[in-house]
Amino acid sequence: MFEEPETWVAIAFIILLGVFAWIGAHRTVFAALDHRAERIKAELDEAMALKEEAAKVLAEYKQRRASAEREATEIVANARADAERIAADAKAKMEDFVARRTKTAESKIALAEAQALADVRAAAADAAVQAASTILSQSVKGSLADDLLAKGIAEVRRKLN
């Protein structure tokens, strides 16, 4: 058994472990492992905190985005309502303008017709007076003719105007 190399390797290994135990190497190893475990735990805690913070920030941004979308929708709806109101006002003003212009044009046409009718009547009266004057002056003579002529002219003017 002592002649086997494996036995001597096992004895050397046990002696080495004893020396390590006597000088306290196991405490250093355990301390290093404990320190590493604490560092890993701290990193995990920090990662969890960062994850929670990121989730909060994400939720906040989602809320802001939803709020901005609602606000944009309201702005678009208000703009459409304003545009429709402005278009309706413009249409009403245009219709009112056209109605006033039409009424003004109709008034001017009626006035021009009345003036033309008065001008035609005046021209007809003047022509009738002139014709009566010519006919009477050729057929009737003397002072009786002048009286009849004056009365006839006055009567024609009165009836035609």
Foldseek 3Di string as FASTA:
>chain_A
DVVDVVVVVVVVVVVVVVVCVVVVVVVVVVVVVVVVVVVVVVVVVVVVVVVVVVVVVVVVVVVVVVVVVVVVVVVVVVVVVVVVVVVVVVVVVVVVVVVVVVVVVVVVVVVVVVVVLVVVLVVVLVVVLVVVLVVLPVPDDDPVSVVVSVVVNVVSVVVSD
